[in-house]
Amino acid sequence: MTLLDLAPSQVGRIISLGGKPEFISRLMEMGFHEGIKVRMIQKMPLNGPIKIRIRNGMISLRHNDAGNITVRLNV
C-alpha cells in the first residue's frame, strides 16, 4: 500500500521509500524514514497534491511522489 491509499485521518507507518536516489535523499531530509508514522490530512482532487502530518510538521507532496512511499496501515 502506498501513501496515496491512506484515507484522510488514517495513520500509517513508512515501510520503504522508492524512486531515484536524489528523491529518496530529499525525502529523508524532510523527515521520512522507515518506521515513522504519517497521518493523511487531505487529498486534492484530480491527482493534485496531498497534505500529510509527519512528526510535528505538515508537508505537501505531489501525487506522483507520494506513490513512491510504501506504508503499512497503523491499527
Protein backbone atom coordinates (compact mmCIF):
# COMPACT_ATOMS: atom_id res chain seq x y z
CA MET A 1 0.00 0.00 0.00
CA THR A 2 1.32 3.45 -0.81
CA LEU A 3 0.81 6.76 0.93
CA LEU A 4 -1.90 7.53 -1.65
CA ASP A 5 -4.01 4.62 -0.36
CA LEU A 6 -4.48 6.19 3.08
CA ALA A 7 -7.85 7.84 3.60
CA PRO A 8 -8.00 11.25 5.30
CA SER A 9 -7.18 10.96 9.03
CA GLN A 10 -5.75 7.42 8.65
CA VAL A 11 -2.32 6.74 10.11
CA GLY A 12 0.36 4.57 8.54
CA ARG A 13 3.99 3.64 9.16
CA ILE A 14 6.57 4.09 6.44
CA ILE A 15 7.93 0.76 5.23
CA SER A 16 10.14 1.93 2.36
CA LEU A 17 10.98 4.88 0.14
CA GLY A 18 11.21 4.36 -3.61
CA GLY A 19 12.41 6.38 -6.56
CA LYS A 20 15.70 7.88 -7.62
CA PRO A 21 18.47 8.26 -5.01
CA GLU A 22 18.18 12.07 -5.17
CA PHE A 23 14.47 11.87 -4.41
CA ILE A 24 14.99 9.46 -1.50
CA SER A 25 17.67 11.76 -0.09
CA ARG A 26 15.28 14.71 -0.31
CA LEU A 27 12.55 12.78 1.50
CA MET A 28 14.96 11.76 4.24
CA GLU A 29 15.96 15.40 4.74
CA MET A 30 12.26 16.19 5.28
CA GLY A 31 11.99 13.51 7.99
CA PHE A 32 10.77 10.48 6.03
CA HIS A 33 12.41 7.34 7.45
CA GLU A 34 11.34 3.73 7.86
CA GLY A 35 9.11 3.24 10.90
CA ILE A 36 7.93 6.86 11.12
CA LYS A 37 4.17 7.46 11.50
CA VAL A 38 2.39 9.60 8.92
CA ARG A 39 -1.21 10.84 9.00
CA MET A 40 -3.13 11.68 5.84
CA ILE A 41 -4.69 15.10 6.27
CA GLN A 42 -6.06 15.98 2.85
CA LYS A 43 -6.10 14.79 -0.76
CA MET A 44 -6.69 17.31 -3.51
CA PRO A 45 -8.89 16.27 -6.44
CA LEU A 46 -7.64 15.40 -9.93
CA ASN A 47 -4.37 13.86 -8.73
CA GLY A 48 -3.37 17.08 -7.00
CA PRO A 49 -1.00 17.25 -4.05
CA ILE A 50 -1.65 15.55 -0.74
CA LYS A 51 -1.13 17.02 2.72
CA ILE A 52 0.26 14.82 5.48
CA ARG A 53 1.39 15.21 9.08
CA ILE A 54 4.78 13.71 9.80
CA ARG A 55 6.40 14.10 13.20
CA ASN A 56 5.47 17.66 14.26
CA GLY A 57 5.08 19.15 10.79
CA MET A 58 2.74 19.34 7.83
CA ILE A 59 4.10 18.50 4.38
CA SER A 60 2.53 18.65 0.94
CA LEU A 61 3.69 16.14 -1.64
CA ARG A 62 2.97 15.76 -5.33
CA HIS A 63 0.69 12.87 -6.20
CA ASN A 64 3.41 11.04 -8.15
CA ASP A 65 5.95 11.45 -5.34
CA ALA A 66 3.54 10.10 -2.73
CA GLY A 67 3.12 6.95 -4.82
CA ASN A 68 6.80 6.11 -4.18
CA ILE A 69 6.32 5.86 -0.41
CA THR A 70 5.20 2.44 0.84
CA VAL A 71 3.29 2.39 4.13
CA ARG A 72 1.56 -0.11 6.38
CA LEU A 73 -1.75 0.83 7.97
CA ASN A 74 -1.27 1.55 11.67
CA VAL A 75 -4.07 -0.07 13.66
